[in-house]
Amino acid sequence: MESRRQQQVAKLVQQALSQVFQVDGVAIYGKAFVTISGIKVTPDLLIARAYLSIYNVENKEEILENIQSNTSYLRKKVGSKIRNKIRQIPELEFFMDDTLDAVFKIEGIFKKMEEEE
């Protein structure tokens, strides 16, 4: 269970990162639609793990790699937005969040089962 401070830092990072994605996202990942589905911060507040959902592209891994290769730039931008609210800017790590894809897959299985009955 996350502490209150972890939740506060996660919220700050998510808001700042979403602003950065809105402004600079096209330069980083092109026309893909990227949403931040969640941020988890380690107990020492030094690492923020961002879980991203990526849509509108065939190769989602390529988009994730582009974002990961721009991590230092993104951290700098996020840091400029939250530097007065936190002592140390956490390192950013990006992961693919495929829970929505799993939901669609499960729904497809249920529809197929209904049709077979």
PDB file of N, CA and C in Angstrom:
ATOM      1  N   MET A   1       0.840  -1.180   0.000  1.00  0.00           N
ATOM      2  CA  MET A   1       0.000   0.000   0.000  1.00  0.00           C
ATOM      3  C   MET A   1       0.889   1.249   0.000  1.00  0.00           C
ATOM      4  N   GLU A   2       0.534   2.172  -0.845  1.00  0.00           N
ATOM      5  CA  GLU A   2       1.319   3.388  -0.977  1.00  0.00           C
ATOM      6  C   GLU A   2       1.018   4.366   0.152  1.00  0.00           C
ATOM      7  N   SER A   3       2.047   5.085   0.572  1.00  0.00           N
ATOM      8  CA  SER A   3       1.863   6.108   1.588  1.00  0.00           C
ATOM      9  C   SER A   3       1.204   7.336   0.958  1.00  0.00           C
ATOM     10  N   ARG A   4       0.740   8.217   1.808  1.00  0.00           N
ATOM     11  CA  ARG A   4       0.098   9.438   1.322  1.00  0.00           C
ATOM     12  C   ARG A   4       1.095  10.265   0.493  1.00  0.00           C
ATOM     13  N   ARG A   5       2.340  10.325   0.944  1.00  0.00           N
ATOM     14  CA  ARG A   5       3.345  11.108   0.226  1.00  0.00           C
ATOM     15  C   ARG A   5       3.635  10.502  -1.152  1.00  0.00           C
ATOM     16  N   GLN A   6       3.683   9.169  -1.239  1.00  0.00           N
ATOM     17  CA  GLN A   6       3.880   8.518  -2.534  1.00  0.00           C
ATOM     18  C   GLN A   6       2.747   8.876  -3.486  1.00  0.00           C
ATOM     19  N   GLN A   7       1.526   8.876  -2.981  1.00  0.00           N
ATOM     20  CA  GLN A   7       0.375   9.212  -3.806  1.00  0.00           C
ATOM     21  C   GLN A   7       0.432  10.667  -4.266  1.00  0.00           C
ATOM     22  N   GLN A   8       0.861  11.562  -3.372  1.00  0.00           N
ATOM     23  CA  GLN A   8       0.969  12.980  -3.733  1.00  0.00           C
ATOM     24  C   GLN A   8       2.012  13.190  -4.821  1.00  0.00           C
ATOM     25  N   VAL A   9       3.164  12.556  -4.657  1.00  0.00           N
ATOM     26  CA  VAL A   9       4.235  12.700  -5.652  1.00  0.00           C
ATOM     27  C   VAL A   9       3.798  12.091  -6.980  1.00  0.00           C
ATOM     28  N   ALA A  10       3.126  10.946  -6.929  1.00  0.00           N
ATOM     29  CA  ALA A  10       2.645  10.310  -8.152  1.00  0.00           C
ATOM     30  C   ALA A  10       1.667  11.224  -8.895  1.00  0.00           C
ATOM     31  N   LYS A  11       0.805  11.873  -8.157  1.00  0.00           N
ATOM     32  CA  LYS A  11      -0.161  12.778  -8.779  1.00  0.00           C
ATOM     33  C   LYS A  11       0.545  13.983  -9.414  1.00  0.00           C
ATOM     34  N   LEU A  12       1.533  14.532  -8.708  1.00  0.00           N
ATOM     35  CA  LEU A  12       2.307  15.646  -9.262  1.00  0.00           C
ATOM     36  C   LEU A  12       3.006  15.245 -10.557  1.00  0.00           C
ATOM     37  N   VAL A  13       3.655  14.091 -10.527  1.00  0.00           N
ATOM     38  CA  VAL A  13       4.386  13.617 -11.704  1.00  0.00           C
ATOM     39  C   VAL A  13       3.419  13.357 -12.851  1.00  0.00           C
ATOM     40  N   GLN A  14       2.267  12.757 -12.564  1.00  0.00           N
ATOM     41  CA  GLN A  14       1.300  12.454 -13.624  1.00  0.00           C
ATOM     42  C   GLN A  14       0.782  13.734 -14.269  1.00  0.00           C
ATOM     43  N   GLN A  15       0.453  14.729 -13.463  1.00  0.00           N
ATOM     44  CA  GLN A  15      -0.041  15.985 -14.026  1.00  0.00           C
ATOM     45  C   GLN A  15       1.025  16.665 -14.879  1.00  0.00           C
ATOM     46  N   ALA A  16       2.249  16.716 -14.369  1.00  0.00           N
ATOM     47  CA  ALA A  16       3.328  17.367 -15.117  1.00  0.00           C
ATOM     48  C   ALA A  16       3.651  16.606 -16.394  1.00  0.00           C
ATOM     49  N   LEU A  17       3.704  15.272 -16.307  1.00  0.00           N
ATOM     50  CA  LEU A  17       4.027  14.456 -17.479  1.00  0.00           C
ATOM     51  C   LEU A  17       2.938  14.562 -18.543  1.00  0.00           C
ATOM     52  N   SER A  18       1.690  14.623 -18.125  1.00  0.00           N
ATOM     53  CA  SER A  18       0.612  14.760 -19.107  1.00  0.00           C
ATOM     54  C   SER A  18       0.691  16.114 -19.811  1.00  0.00           C
ATOM     55  N   GLN A  19       1.086  17.166 -19.091  1.00  0.00           N
ATOM     56  CA  GLN A  19       1.269  18.471 -19.730  1.00  0.00           C
ATOM     57  C   GLN A  19       2.413  18.429 -20.738  1.00  0.00           C
ATOM     58  N   VAL A  20       3.491  17.754 -20.373  1.00  0.00           N
ATOM     59  CA  VAL A  20       4.632  17.631 -21.285  1.00  0.00           C
ATOM     60  C   VAL A  20       4.235  16.842 -22.526  1.00  0.00           C
ATOM     61  N   PHE A  21       3.483  15.762 -22.343  1.00  0.00           N
ATOM     62  CA  PHE A  21       3.031  14.971 -23.488  1.00  0.00           C
ATOM     63  C   PHE A  21       2.118  15.791 -24.399  1.00  0.00           C
ATOM     64  N   GLN A  22       1.283  16.653 -23.831  1.00  0.00           N
ATOM     65  CA  GLN A  22       0.399  17.472 -24.653  1.00  0.00           C
ATOM     66  C   GLN A  22       1.181  18.464 -25.499  1.00  0.00           C
ATOM     67  N   VAL A  23       2.227  19.032 -24.929  1.00  0.00           N
ATOM     68  CA  VAL A  23       2.996  20.059 -25.631  1.00  0.00           C
ATOM     69  C   VAL A  23       4.034  19.444 -26.574  1.00  0.00           C
ATOM     70  N   ASP A  24       4.804  18.493 -26.062  1.00  0.00           N
ATOM     71  CA  ASP A  24       5.935  17.953 -26.813  1.00  0.00           C
ATOM     72  C   ASP A  24       5.713  16.542 -27.340  1.00  0.00           C
ATOM     73  N   GLY A  25       4.554  15.991 -27.155  1.00  0.00           N
ATOM     74  CA  GLY A  25       4.309  14.600 -27.510  1.00  0.00           C
ATOM     75  C   GLY A  25       4.471  14.289 -28.982  1.00  0.00           C
ATOM     76  N   VAL A  26       4.034  15.177 -29.838  1.00  0.00           N
ATOM     77  CA  VAL A  26       4.104  14.922 -31.279  1.00  0.00           C
ATOM     78  C   VAL A  26       5.560  14.745 -31.717  1.00  0.00           C
ATOM     79  N   ALA A  27       6.463  15.501 -31.130  1.00  0.00           N
ATOM     80  CA  ALA A  27       7.876  15.393 -31.494  1.00  0.00           C
ATOM     81  C   ALA A  27       8.473  14.071 -31.027  1.00  0.00           C
ATOM     82  N   ILE A  28       7.932  13.518 -29.951  1.00  0.00           N
ATOM     83  CA  ILE A  28       8.487  12.292 -29.371  1.00  0.00           C
ATOM     84  C   ILE A  28       7.876  11.047 -30.002  1.00  0.00           C
ATOM     85  N   TYR A  29       6.559  10.994 -30.080  1.00  0.00           N
ATOM     86  CA  TYR A  29       5.913   9.765 -30.542  1.00  0.00           C
ATOM     87  C   TYR A  29       4.988   9.947 -31.735  1.00  0.00           C
ATOM     88  N   GLY A  30       5.014  11.073 -32.387  1.00  0.00           N
ATOM     89  CA  GLY A  30       4.262  11.255 -33.620  1.00  0.00           C
ATOM     90  C   GLY A  30       2.761  11.321 -33.407  1.00  0.00           C
ATOM     91  N   LYS A  31       2.025  10.640 -34.265  1.00  0.00           N
ATOM     92  CA  LYS A  31       0.566  10.717 -34.245  1.00  0.00           C
ATOM     93  C   LYS A  31      -0.092   9.680 -33.348  1.00  0.00           C
ATOM     94  N   ALA A  32       0.692   8.961 -32.595  1.00  0.00           N
ATOM     95  CA  ALA A  32       0.127   7.963 -31.687  1.00  0.00           C
ATOM     96  C   ALA A  32      -0.662   8.668 -30.586  1.00  0.00           C
ATOM     97  N   PHE A  33      -1.638   7.959 -30.052  1.00  0.00           N
ATOM     98  CA  PHE A  33      -2.434   8.466 -28.938  1.00  0.00           C
ATOM     99  C   PHE A  33      -1.918   7.781 -27.675  1.00  0.00           C
ATOM    100  N   VAL A  34      -1.271   8.557 -26.804  1.00  0.00           N
ATOM    101  CA  VAL A  34      -0.647   8.004 -25.608  1.00  0.00           C
ATOM    102  C   VAL A  34      -1.335   8.579 -24.382  1.00  0.00           C
ATOM    103  N   THR A  35      -1.773   7.704 -23.495  1.00  0.00           N
ATOM    104  CA  THR A  35      -2.354   8.137 -22.228  1.00  0.00           C
ATOM    105  C   THR A  35      -1.565   7.535 -21.075  1.00  0.00           C
ATOM    106  N   ILE A  36      -1.544   8.250 -19.985  1.00  0.00           N
ATOM    107  CA  ILE A  36      -0.878   7.778 -18.780  1.00  0.00           C
ATOM    108  C   ILE A  36      -1.951   7.117 -17.926  1.00  0.00           C
ATOM    109  N   SER A  37      -1.886   5.799 -17.823  1.00  0.00           N
ATOM    110  CA  SER A  37      -2.919   5.102 -17.063  1.00  0.00           C
ATOM    111  C   SER A  37      -2.597   5.055 -15.579  1.00  0.00           C
ATOM    112  N   GLY A  38      -1.357   5.315 -15.212  1.00  0.00           N
ATOM    113  CA  GLY A  38      -1.023   5.347 -13.797  1.00  0.00           C
ATOM    114  C   GLY A  38       0.449   5.630 -13.566  1.00  0.00           C
ATOM    115  N   ILE A  39       0.725   6.139 -12.379  1.00  0.00           N
ATOM    116  CA  ILE A  39       2.104   6.391 -11.946  1.00  0.00           C
ATOM    117  C   ILE A  39       2.263   5.733 -10.582  1.00  0.00           C
ATOM    118  N   LYS A  40       3.301   4.959 -10.430  1.00  0.00           N
ATOM    119  CA  LYS A  40       3.645   4.346  -9.143  1.00  0.00           C
ATOM    120  C   LYS A  40       5.007   4.884  -8.727  1.00  0.00           C
ATOM    121  N   VAL A  41       5.109   5.349  -7.491  1.00  0.00           N
ATOM    122  CA  VAL A  41       6.348   5.906  -6.976  1.00  0.00           C
ATOM    123  C   VAL A  41       6.890   4.966  -5.910  1.00  0.00           C
ATOM    124  N   THR A  42       8.206   4.719  -5.945  1.00  0.00           N
ATOM    125  CA  THR A  42       8.831   3.851  -4.949  1.00  0.00           C
ATOM    126  C   THR A  42       8.782   4.524  -3.577  1.00  0.00           C
ATOM    127  N   PRO A  43       8.882   3.753  -2.509  1.00  0.00           N
ATOM    128  CA  PRO A  43       8.802   4.333  -1.159  1.00  0.00           C
ATOM    129  C   PRO A  43       9.853   5.413  -0.864  1.00  0.00           C
ATOM    130  N   ASP A  44      11.019   5.337  -1.509  1.00  0.00           N
ATOM    131  CA  ASP A  44      12.035   6.369  -1.286  1.00  0.00           C
ATOM    132  C   ASP A  44      11.834   7.591  -2.185  1.00  0.00           C
ATOM    133  N   LEU A  45      10.793   7.586  -2.999  1.00  0.00           N
ATOM    134  CA  LEU A  45      10.403   8.692  -3.879  1.00  0.00           C
ATOM    135  C   LEU A  45      11.442   9.018  -4.949  1.00  0.00           C
ATOM    136  N   LEU A  46      12.324   8.086  -5.261  1.00  0.00           N
ATOM    137  CA  LEU A  46      13.385   8.341  -6.232  1.00  0.00           C
ATOM    138  C   LEU A  46      13.083   7.803  -7.624  1.00  0.00           C
ATOM    139  N   ILE A  47      12.097   6.920  -7.748  1.00  0.00           N
ATOM    140  CA  ILE A  47      11.737   6.354  -9.057  1.00  0.00           C
ATOM    141  C   ILE A  47      10.226   6.448  -9.233  1.00  0.00           C
ATOM    142  N   ALA A  48       9.825   6.979 -10.378  1.00  0.00           N
ATOM    143  CA  ALA A  48       8.404   7.035 -10.736  1.00  0.00           C
ATOM    144  C   ALA A  48       8.217   6.158 -11.965  1.00  0.00           C
ATOM    145  N   ARG A  49       7.370   5.159 -11.832  1.00  0.00           N
ATOM    146  CA  ARG A  49       7.093   4.247 -12.943  1.00  0.00           C
ATOM    147  C   ARG A  49       5.778   4.659 -13.601  1.00  0.00           C
ATOM    148  N   ALA A  50       5.866   5.045 -14.857  1.00  0.00           N
ATOM    149  CA  ALA A  50       4.693   5.498 -15.600  1.00  0.00           C
ATOM    150  C   ALA A  50       4.195   4.354 -16.473  1.00  0.00           C
ATOM    151  N   TYR A  51       2.914   4.060 -16.364  1.00  0.00           N
ATOM    152  CA  TYR A  51       2.280   3.023 -17.174  1.00  0.00           C
ATOM    153  C   TYR A  51       1.480   3.717 -18.269  1.00  0.00           C
ATOM    154  N   LEU A  52       1.830   3.415 -19.521  1.00  0.00           N
ATOM    155  CA  LEU A  52       1.261   4.107 -20.667  1.00  0.00           C
ATOM    156  C   LEU A  52       0.390   3.180 -21.503  1.00  0.00           C
ATOM    157  N   SER A  53      -0.716   3.723 -21.977  1.00  0.00           N
ATOM    158  CA  SER A  53      -1.556   3.036 -22.958  1.00  0.00           C
ATOM    159  C   SER A  53      -1.330   3.735 -24.299  1.00  0.00           C
ATOM    160  N   ILE A  54      -1.043   2.959 -25.315  1.00  0.00           N
ATOM    161  CA  ILE A  54      -0.707   3.520 -26.620  1.00  0.00           C
ATOM    162  C   ILE A  54      -1.708   2.997 -27.648  1.00  0.00           C
ATOM    163  N   TYR A  55      -2.300   3.932 -28.396  1.00  0.00           N
ATOM    164  CA  TYR A  55      -3.308   3.584 -29.402  1.00  0.00           C
ATOM    165  C   TYR A  55      -2.969   4.257 -30.732  1.00  0.00           C
ATOM    166  N   ASN A  56      -3.693   3.863 -31.769  1.00  0.00           N
ATOM    167  CA  ASN A  56      -3.593   4.463 -33.107  1.00  0.00           C
ATOM    168  C   ASN A  56      -2.329   4.111 -33.869  1.00  0.00           C
ATOM    169  N   VAL A  57      -1.596   3.115 -33.435  1.00  0.00           N
ATOM    170  CA  VAL A  57      -0.394   2.697 -34.163  1.00  0.00           C
ATOM    171  C   VAL A  57      -0.325   1.179 -34.183  1.00  0.00           C
ATOM    172  N   GLU A  58       0.379   0.669 -35.175  1.00  0.00           N
ATOM    173  CA  GLU A  58       0.568  -0.775 -35.282  1.00  0.00           C
ATOM    174  C   GLU A  58       1.647  -1.267 -34.331  1.00  0.00           C
ATOM    175  N   ASN A  59       2.786  -0.556 -34.290  1.00  0.00           N
ATOM    176  CA  ASN A  59       3.922  -0.998 -33.499  1.00  0.00           C
ATOM    177  C   ASN A  59       4.023  -0.184 -32.206  1.00  0.00           C
ATOM    178  N   LYS A  60       3.376  -0.667 -31.163  1.00  0.00           N
ATOM    179  CA  LYS A  60       3.359   0.042 -29.883  1.00  0.00           C
ATOM    180  C   LYS A  60       4.722   0.010 -29.206  1.00  0.00           C
ATOM    181  N   GLU A  61       5.466  -1.071 -29.411  1.00  0.00           N
ATOM    182  CA  GLU A  61       6.787  -1.200 -28.790  1.00  0.00           C
ATOM    183  C   GLU A  61       7.744  -0.113 -29.310  1.00  0.00           C
ATOM    184  N   GLU A  62       7.629   0.222 -30.576  1.00  0.00           N
ATOM    185  CA  GLU A  62       8.486   1.264 -31.148  1.00  0.00           C
ATOM    186  C   GLU A  62       8.212   2.612 -30.495  1.00  0.00           C
ATOM    187  N   ILE A  63       6.942   2.922 -30.263  1.00  0.00           N
ATOM    188  CA  ILE A  63       6.571   4.174 -29.608  1.00  0.00           C
ATOM    189  C   ILE A  63       7.111   4.194 -28.182  1.00  0.00           C
ATOM    190  N   LEU A  64       6.969   3.072 -27.481  1.00  0.00           N
ATOM    191  CA  LEU A  64       7.490   2.984 -26.117  1.00  0.00           C
ATOM    192  C   LEU A  64       9.001   3.176 -26.101  1.00  0.00           C
ATOM    193  N   GLU A  65       9.701   2.607 -27.060  1.00  0.00           N
ATOM    194  CA  GLU A  65      11.156   2.779 -27.151  1.00  0.00           C
ATOM    195  C   GLU A  65      11.525   4.239 -27.411  1.00  0.00           C
ATOM    196  N   ASN A  66      10.744   4.934 -28.249  1.00  0.00           N
ATOM    197  CA  ASN A  66      10.988   6.355 -28.497  1.00  0.00           C
ATOM    198  C   ASN A  66      10.828   7.156 -27.208  1.00  0.00           C
ATOM    199  N   ILE A  67       9.799   6.843 -26.453  1.00  0.00           N
ATOM    200  CA  ILE A  67       9.573   7.543 -25.187  1.00  0.00           C
ATOM    201  C   ILE A  67      10.705   7.236 -24.210  1.00  0.00           C
ATOM    202  N   GLN A  68      11.112   5.972 -24.143  1.00  0.00           N
ATOM    203  CA  GLN A  68      12.186   5.589 -23.230  1.00  0.00           C
ATOM    204  C   GLN A  68      13.508   6.237 -23.623  1.00  0.00           C
ATOM    205  N   SER A  69      13.747   6.416 -24.909  1.00  0.00           N
ATOM    206  CA  SER A  69      14.999   7.049 -25.337  1.00  0.00           C
ATOM    207  C   SER A  69      15.011   8.545 -25.026  1.00  0.00           C
ATOM    208  N   ASN A  70      13.852   9.131 -24.787  1.00  0.00           N
ATOM    209  CA  ASN A  70      13.748  10.550 -24.438  1.00  0.00           C
ATOM    210  C   ASN A  70      13.497  10.756 -22.941  1.00  0.00           C
ATOM    211  N   THR A  71      13.837   9.777 -22.127  1.00  0.00           N
ATOM    212  CA  THR A  71      13.553   9.843 -20.696  1.00  0.00           C
ATOM    213  C   THR A  71      14.229  11.038 -20.034  1.00  0.00           C
ATOM    214  N   SER A  72      15.475  11.305 -20.360  1.00  0.00           N
ATOM    215  CA  SER A  72      16.177  12.419 -19.709  1.00  0.00           C
ATOM    216  C   SER A  72      15.523  13.765 -20.067  1.00  0.00           C
ATOM    217  N   TYR A  73      15.111  13.912 -21.310  1.00  0.00           N
ATOM    218  CA  TYR A  73      14.415  15.130 -21.726  1.00  0.00           C
ATOM    219  C   TYR A  73      13.086  15.278 -20.979  1.00  0.00           C
ATOM    220  N   LEU A  74      12.336  14.178 -20.891  1.00  0.00           N
ATOM    221  CA  LEU A  74      11.048  14.210 -20.200  1.00  0.00           C
ATOM    222  C   LEU A  74      11.227  14.503 -18.711  1.00  0.00           C
ATOM    223  N   ARG A  75      12.268  13.916 -18.105  1.00  0.00           N
ATOM    224  CA  ARG A  75      12.526  14.167 -16.682  1.00  0.00           C
ATOM    225  C   ARG A  75      12.865  15.631 -16.444  1.00  0.00           C
ATOM    226  N   LYS A  76      13.638  16.212 -17.346  1.00  0.00           N
ATOM    227  CA  LYS A  76      13.993  17.620 -17.229  1.00  0.00           C
ATOM    228  C   LYS A  76      12.749  18.499 -17.315  1.00  0.00           C
ATOM    229  N   LYS A  77      11.863  18.200 -18.268  1.00  0.00           N
ATOM    230  CA  LYS A  77      10.634  18.975 -18.429  1.00  0.00           C
ATOM    231  C   LYS A  77       9.714  18.826 -17.218  1.00  0.00           C
ATOM    232  N   VAL A  78       9.566  17.583 -16.735  1.00  0.00           N
ATOM    233  CA  VAL A  78       8.737  17.338 -15.552  1.00  0.00           C
ATOM    234  C   VAL A  78       9.346  18.054 -14.348  1.00  0.00           C
ATOM    235  N   GLY A  79      10.661  17.969 -14.231  1.00  0.00           N
ATOM    236  CA  GLY A  79      11.348  18.622 -13.119  1.00  0.00           C
ATOM    237  C   GLY A  79      11.144  20.118 -13.096  1.00  0.00           C
ATOM    238  N   SER A  80      11.127  20.747 -14.256  1.00  0.00           N
ATOM    239  CA  SER A  80      10.916  22.194 -14.304  1.00  0.00           C
ATOM    240  C   SER A  80       9.513  22.571 -13.841  1.00  0.00           C
ATOM    241  N   LYS A  81       8.574  21.643 -13.968  1.00  0.00           N
ATOM    242  CA  LYS A  81       7.200  21.921 -13.558  1.00  0.00           C
ATOM    243  C   LYS A  81       6.954  21.665 -12.066  1.00  0.00           C
ATOM    244  N   ILE A  82       7.685  20.712 -11.483  1.00  0.00           N
ATOM    245  CA  ILE A  82       7.399  20.346 -10.083  1.00  0.00           C
ATOM    246  C   ILE A  82       8.557  20.641  -9.134  1.00  0.00           C
ATOM    247  N   ARG A  83       9.560  21.361  -9.578  1.00  0.00           N
ATOM    248  CA  ARG A  83      10.760  21.537  -8.755  1.00  0.00           C
ATOM    249  C   ARG A  83      10.514  22.290  -7.458  1.00  0.00           C
ATOM    250  N   ASN A  84       9.487  23.115  -7.390  1.00  0.00           N
ATOM    251  CA  ASN A  84       9.199  23.860  -6.161  1.00  0.00           C
ATOM    252  C   ASN A  84       8.344  23.066  -5.184  1.00  0.00           C
ATOM    253  N   LYS A  85       7.901  21.891  -5.581  1.00  0.00           N
ATOM    254  CA  LYS A  85       6.995  21.103  -4.741  1.00  0.00           C
ATOM    255  C   LYS A  85       7.629  19.836  -4.196  1.00  0.00           C
ATOM    256  N   ILE A  86       8.828  19.508  -4.667  1.00  0.00           N
ATOM    257  CA  ILE A  86       9.468  18.262  -4.282  1.00  0.00           C
ATOM    258  C   ILE A  86      10.980  18.486  -4.229  1.00  0.00           C
ATOM    259  N   ARG A  87      11.644  17.800  -3.303  1.00  0.00           N
ATOM    260  CA  ARG A  87      13.088  18.011  -3.128  1.00  0.00           C
ATOM    261  C   ARG A  87      13.903  17.439  -4.273  1.00  0.00           C
ATOM    262  N   GLN A  88      13.642  16.202  -4.617  1.00  0.00           N
ATOM    263  CA  GLN A  88      14.412  15.542  -5.666  1.00  0.00           C
ATOM    264  C   GLN A  88      13.458  15.007  -6.729  1.00  0.00           C
ATOM    265  N   ILE A  89      13.763  15.313  -7.962  1.00  0.00           N
ATOM    266  CA  ILE A  89      12.934  14.868  -9.081  1.00  0.00           C
ATOM    267  C   ILE A  89      13.189  13.380  -9.284  1.00  0.00           C
ATOM    268  N   PRO A  90      12.131  12.561  -9.265  1.00  0.00           N
ATOM    269  CA  PRO A  90      12.342  11.115  -9.433  1.00  0.00           C
ATOM    270  C   PRO A  90      12.771  10.746 -10.846  1.00  0.00           C
ATOM    271  N   GLU A  91      13.521   9.654 -10.937  1.00  0.00           N
ATOM    272  CA  GLU A  91      13.855   9.077 -12.236  1.00  0.00           C
ATOM    273  C   GLU A  91      12.563   8.529 -12.839  1.00  0.00           C
ATOM    274  N   LEU A  92      12.434   8.640 -14.137  1.00  0.00           N
ATOM    275  CA  LEU A  92      11.226   8.157 -14.807  1.00  0.00           C
ATOM    276  C   LEU A  92      11.509   6.826 -15.497  1.00  0.00           C
ATOM    277  N   GLU A  93      10.590   5.898 -15.330  1.00  0.00           N
ATOM    278  CA  GLU A  93      10.629   4.629 -16.040  1.00  0.00           C
ATOM    279  C   GLU A  93       9.279   4.456 -16.719  1.00  0.00           C
ATOM    280  N   PHE A  94       9.296   3.976 -17.951  1.00  0.00           N
ATOM    281  CA  PHE A  94       8.067   3.844 -18.723  1.00  0.00           C
ATOM    282  C   PHE A  94       7.795   2.382 -19.051  1.00  0.00           C
ATOM    283  N   PHE A  95       6.525   1.992 -18.869  1.00  0.00           N
ATOM    284  CA  PHE A  95       6.099   0.626 -19.127  1.00  0.00           C
ATOM    285  C   PHE A  95       4.796   0.657 -19.915  1.00  0.00           C
ATOM    286  N   MET A  96       4.576  -0.399 -20.673  1.00  0.00           N
ATOM    287  CA  MET A  96       3.341  -0.545 -21.436  1.00  0.00           C
ATOM    288  C   MET A  96       2.234  -1.053 -20.509  1.00  0.00           C
ATOM    289  N   ASP A  97       1.087  -0.407 -20.561  1.00  0.00           N
ATOM    290  CA  ASP A  97      -0.076  -0.862 -19.813  1.00  0.00           C
ATOM    291  C   ASP A  97      -1.061  -1.444 -20.812  1.00  0.00           C
ATOM    292  N   ASP A  98      -1.191  -2.751 -20.806  1.00  0.00           N
ATOM    293  CA  ASP A  98      -2.055  -3.402 -21.782  1.00  0.00           C
ATOM    294  C   ASP A  98      -3.316  -3.980 -21.148  1.00  0.00           C
ATOM    295  N   THR A  99      -3.769  -3.396 -20.048  1.00  0.00           N
ATOM    296  CA  THR A  99      -4.968  -3.912 -19.397  1.00  0.00           C
ATOM    297  C   THR A  99      -6.203  -3.743 -20.266  1.00  0.00           C
ATOM    298  N   LEU A 100      -6.284  -2.628 -21.002  1.00  0.00           N
ATOM    299  CA  LEU A 100      -7.451  -2.414 -21.864  1.00  0.00           C
ATOM    300  C   LEU A 100      -7.474  -3.432 -22.993  1.00  0.00           C
ATOM    301  N   ASP A 101      -6.306  -3.760 -23.525  1.00  0.00           N
ATOM    302  CA  ASP A 101      -6.234  -4.794 -24.562  1.00  0.00           C
ATOM    303  C   ASP A 101      -6.706  -6.139 -24.015  1.00  0.00           C
ATOM    304  N   ALA A 102      -6.336  -6.437 -22.778  1.00  0.00           N
ATOM    305  CA  ALA A 102      -6.758  -7.688 -22.150  1.00  0.00           C
ATOM    306  C   ALA A 102      -8.274  -7.706 -21.953  1.00  0.00           C
ATOM    307  N   VAL A 103      -8.850  -6.574 -21.595  1.00  0.00           N
ATOM    308  CA  VAL A 103     -10.306  -6.491 -21.421  1.00  0.00           C
ATOM    309  C   VAL A 103     -11.010  -6.794 -22.738  1.00  0.00           C
ATOM    310  N   PHE A 104     -10.539  -6.200 -23.837  1.00  0.00           N
ATOM    311  CA  PHE A 104     -11.154  -6.459 -25.142  1.00  0.00           C
ATOM    312  C   PHE A 104     -10.998  -7.932 -25.542  1.00  0.00           C
ATOM    313  N   LYS A 105      -9.871  -8.511 -25.220  1.00  0.00           N
ATOM    314  CA  LYS A 105      -9.628  -9.913 -25.538  1.00  0.00           C
ATOM    315  C   LYS A 105     -10.590 -10.815 -24.768  1.00  0.00           C
ATOM    316  N   ILE A 106     -10.788 -10.528 -23.496  1.00  0.00           N
ATOM    317  CA  ILE A 106     -11.705 -11.321 -22.666  1.00  0.00           C
ATOM    318  C   ILE A 106     -13.141 -11.154 -23.147  1.00  0.00           C
ATOM    319  N   GLU A 107     -13.511  -9.916 -23.503  1.00  0.00           N
ATOM    320  CA  GLU A 107     -14.860  -9.693 -24.034  1.00  0.00           C
ATOM    321  C   GLU A 107     -15.080 -10.479 -25.316  1.00  0.00           C
ATOM    322  N   GLY A 108     -14.070 -10.536 -26.160  1.00  0.00           N
ATOM    323  CA  GLY A 108     -14.166 -11.315 -27.391  1.00  0.00           C
ATOM    324  C   GLY A 108     -14.369 -12.792 -27.112  1.00  0.00           C
ATOM    325  N   ILE A 109     -13.680 -13.302 -26.103  1.00  0.00           N
ATOM    326  CA  ILE A 109     -13.838 -14.712 -25.724  1.00  0.00           C
ATOM    327  C   ILE A 109     -15.256 -14.971 -25.232  1.00  0.00           C
ATOM    328  N   PHE A 110     -15.790 -14.065 -24.414  1.00  0.00           N
ATOM    329  CA  PHE A 110     -17.162 -14.246 -23.917  1.00  0.00           C
ATOM    330  C   PHE A 110     -18.184 -14.192 -25.049  1.00  0.00           C
ATOM    331  N   LYS A 111     -17.994 -13.288 -26.014  1.00  0.00           N
ATOM    332  CA  LYS A 111     -18.915 -13.212 -27.150  1.00  0.00           C
ATOM    333  C   LYS A 111     -18.868 -14.488 -27.972  1.00  0.00           C
ATOM    334  N   LYS A 112     -17.668 -15.020 -28.160  1.00  0.00           N
ATOM    335  CA  LYS A 112     -17.512 -16.254 -28.915  1.00  0.00           C
ATOM    336  C   LYS A 112     -18.202 -17.410 -28.190  1.00  0.00           C
ATOM    337  N   MET A 113     -18.107 -17.450 -26.854  1.00  0.00           N
ATOM    338  CA  MET A 113     -18.760 -18.495 -26.074  1.00  0.00           C
ATOM    339  C   MET A 113     -20.274 -18.408 -26.186  1.00  0.00           C
ATOM    340  N   GLU A 114     -20.817 -17.167 -26.181  1.00  0.00           N
ATOM    341  CA  GLU A 114     -22.256 -16.981 -26.322  1.00  0.00           C
ATOM    342  C   GLU A 114     -22.734 -17.452 -27.690  1.00  0.00           C
ATOM    343  N   GLU A 115     -21.959 -17.157 -28.725  1.00  0.00           N
ATOM    344  CA  GLU A 115     -22.353 -17.549 -30.064  1.00  0.00           C
ATOM    345  C   GLU A 115     -22.351 -19.057 -30.228  1.00  0.00           C
ATOM    346  N   GLU A 116     -21.444 -19.742 -29.550  1.00  0.00           N
ATOM    347  CA  GLU A 116     -21.355 -21.196 -29.635  1.00  0.00           C
ATOM    348  C   GLU A 116     -22.526 -21.880 -28.930  1.00  0.00           C
ATOM    349  N   GLU A 117     -23.079 -21.215 -27.929  1.00  0.00           N
ATOM    350  CA  GLU A 117     -24.220 -21.810 -27.197  1.00  0.00           C
ATOM    351  C   GLU A 117     -25.446 -21.667 -27.989  1.00  0.00           C
TER     352      GLU A 117
END
